Amino acid sequence: MKLRPADHKKRGTEIRAMENDAGFTLIEVVIAISILAVGLLGVAAMQTSAIQVNSAAGQMTTRMNWAQDKMEELKALAFSDPWLEAAGNPTGVDSAGNTHVQTTSDGYTVRWDVADNTPVPNTKQIVVTVTGKGKISRLTCMRADW
């Protein structure tokens, strides 16, 4: 088969187009994947840190909720109620035989200490301490006898 002049031009153009369209080299692909991998490792480390911080924040919220619940319960009592007695705290019992320590259903320990006439006469300082999961949260309130 004999080629015509138009066929030579057409074939030559196709060959030149293939030579110019080399694509990416293996080195370029490896470098691009390496850069992507380093970026993804940074994102993974950030996610791990975020999960740990969120877990700690959730535990702190739980401890503070227990402390606030107990504080509201104690503030609703009469000023002379045995639960608000300072005698025997922190490890003893009040005049009604109650200890000032409770354990919650999810393993936290709630303890409250009462100090009479602190910082001024006719007041009680109530400190609720919640411990659990290796952490401690405290909530303090002043109660006056009006």
Protein backbone atom coordinates (compact mmCIF):
# COMPACT_ATOMS: atom_id res chain seq x y z
CA MET A 1 0.00 0.00 0.00
CA LYS A 2 1.29 3.33 -0.99
CA LEU A 3 0.87 6.31 1.32
CA ARG A 4 -0.43 9.53 -0.02
CA PRO A 5 1.08 12.86 0.98
CA ALA A 6 -1.96 13.70 3.13
CA ASP A 7 -1.50 10.44 5.05
CA HIS A 8 2.12 11.34 5.87
CA LYS A 9 1.03 14.62 7.38
CA LYS A 10 -1.72 12.97 9.37
CA ARG A 11 0.57 10.24 10.69
CA GLY A 12 3.34 12.64 11.56
CA THR A 13 0.97 14.82 13.54
CA GLU A 14 -0.27 11.84 15.57
CA ILE A 15 3.28 10.76 16.40
CA ARG A 16 4.29 14.27 17.47
CA ALA A 17 1.15 14.57 19.65
CA MET A 18 1.98 11.31 21.40
CA GLU A 19 5.57 12.45 22.06
CA ASN A 20 4.40 15.74 23.61
CA ASP A 21 1.74 14.05 25.85
CA ALA A 22 4.09 12.24 28.20
CA GLY A 23 1.88 12.52 31.39
CA PHE A 24 3.27 12.32 34.95
CA THR A 25 6.45 10.54 35.76
CA LEU A 26 6.65 7.95 38.51
CA ILE A 27 8.70 10.34 40.67
CA GLU A 28 6.03 13.05 40.43
CA VAL A 29 3.31 10.61 41.45
CA VAL A 30 5.35 9.32 44.44
CA ILE A 31 6.06 12.88 45.64
CA ALA A 32 2.37 13.85 45.32
CA ILE A 33 1.27 10.75 47.26
CA SER A 34 3.88 11.46 49.95
CA ILE A 35 2.64 15.02 50.41
CA LEU A 36 -0.95 13.77 50.60
CA ALA A 37 0.02 11.11 53.18
CA VAL A 38 1.75 13.68 55.42
CA GLY A 39 -1.35 15.88 55.27
CA LEU A 40 -3.65 12.98 56.12
CA LEU A 41 -1.46 11.97 59.06
CA GLY A 42 -1.78 15.50 60.44
CA VAL A 43 -5.57 15.35 60.11
CA ALA A 44 -5.64 11.94 61.84
CA ALA A 45 -3.56 13.26 64.75
CA MET A 46 -5.88 16.25 65.05
CA GLN A 47 -8.93 13.94 65.13
CA THR A 48 -7.38 11.83 67.90
CA SER A 49 -6.71 14.94 69.95
CA ALA A 50 -10.25 16.23 69.36
CA ILE A 51 -11.76 12.93 70.52
CA GLN A 52 -9.71 13.01 73.74
CA VAL A 53 -10.65 16.62 74.48
CA ASN A 54 -14.33 15.92 73.80
CA SER A 55 -14.25 12.94 76.16
CA ALA A 56 -12.64 15.02 78.93
CA ALA A 57 -15.19 17.79 78.38
CA GLY A 58 -18.04 15.28 78.60
CA GLN A 59 -16.70 13.93 81.89
CA MET A 60 -16.29 17.46 83.28
CA THR A 61 -19.86 18.27 82.28
CA THR A 62 -21.11 15.14 84.04
CA ARG A 63 -19.20 16.00 87.22
CA MET A 64 -20.51 19.58 87.22
CA ASN A 65 -24.07 18.38 86.60
CA TRP A 66 -23.84 16.09 89.66
CA ALA A 67 -22.39 18.97 91.71
CA GLN A 68 -25.11 21.39 90.59
CA ASP A 69 -27.84 18.85 91.27
CA LYS A 70 -26.58 18.28 94.83
CA MET A 71 -26.07 22.01 95.40
CA GLU A 72 -29.65 22.78 94.32
CA GLU A 73 -30.91 20.01 96.58
CA LEU A 74 -28.97 21.41 99.55
CA LYS A 75 -29.99 25.02 98.87
CA ALA A 76 -33.65 23.99 98.92
CA LEU A 77 -33.34 22.66 102.50
CA ALA A 78 -34.07 24.65 105.64
CA PHE A 79 -31.05 26.44 107.12
CA SER A 80 -31.13 24.17 110.19
CA ASP A 81 -31.56 20.88 108.29
CA PRO A 82 -29.17 18.08 109.40
CA TRP A 83 -27.84 17.74 105.84
CA LEU A 84 -26.46 21.28 106.27
CA GLU A 85 -24.72 20.64 109.60
CA ALA A 86 -21.02 21.30 109.80
CA ALA A 87 -20.40 18.94 112.73
CA GLY A 88 -18.62 15.74 111.82
CA ASN A 89 -17.73 16.80 108.28
CA PRO A 90 -16.08 15.69 106.10
CA THR A 91 -15.82 12.05 107.22
CA GLY A 92 -18.39 11.91 110.00
CA VAL A 93 -22.15 11.87 110.15
CA ASP A 94 -24.65 14.58 110.97
CA SER A 95 -27.09 14.53 113.89
CA ALA A 96 -29.59 12.52 111.85
CA GLY A 97 -26.98 9.83 111.11
CA ASN A 98 -26.47 10.81 107.47
CA THR A 99 -23.05 10.74 105.86
CA HIS A 100 -22.30 13.61 103.54
CA VAL A 101 -21.09 11.30 100.76
CA GLN A 102 -23.06 9.65 97.97
CA THR A 103 -22.08 7.47 95.02
CA THR A 104 -23.86 8.02 91.71
CA SER A 105 -25.08 5.32 89.36
CA ASP A 106 -22.23 6.02 86.93
CA GLY A 107 -19.44 5.75 89.51
CA TYR A 108 -18.91 9.35 90.63
CA THR A 109 -18.61 10.23 94.32
CA VAL A 110 -20.46 13.33 95.52
CA ARG A 111 -19.37 14.81 98.85
CA TRP A 112 -20.39 18.05 100.49
CA ASP A 113 -18.77 19.96 103.31
CA VAL A 114 -20.49 22.69 105.30
CA ALA A 115 -18.76 25.42 107.30
CA ASP A 116 -20.86 27.51 109.70
CA ASN A 117 -20.44 31.28 110.02
CA THR A 118 -18.04 31.44 107.09
CA PRO A 119 -17.12 34.06 105.94
CA VAL A 120 -19.65 36.08 108.00
CA PRO A 121 -22.00 35.22 110.88
CA ASN A 122 -25.32 33.49 110.11
CA THR A 123 -24.04 31.99 106.86
CA LYS A 124 -22.98 28.56 105.73
CA GLN A 125 -20.41 27.84 103.09
CA ILE A 126 -21.35 24.70 101.15
CA VAL A 127 -18.68 23.01 99.05
CA VAL A 128 -19.80 20.13 96.83
CA THR A 129 -16.95 17.96 95.53
CA VAL A 130 -17.46 15.39 92.79
CA THR A 131 -14.69 12.88 92.07
CA GLY A 132 -14.48 10.20 89.43
CA LYS A 133 -12.48 8.97 86.46
CA GLY A 134 -9.33 10.49 87.99
CA LYS A 135 -10.66 14.06 88.11
CA ILE A 136 -12.20 16.37 90.71
CA SER A 137 -14.77 19.17 90.33
CA ARG A 138 -15.83 21.55 93.11
CA LEU A 139 -18.76 23.91 93.44
CA THR A 140 -19.04 26.44 96.29
CA CYS A 141 -22.07 28.34 97.52
CA MET A 142 -22.87 30.69 100.37
CA ARG A 143 -26.15 30.25 102.22
CA ALA A 144 -27.51 32.91 104.57
CA ASP A 145 -30.08 32.52 107.36
CA TRP A 146 -32.52 35.33 106.66
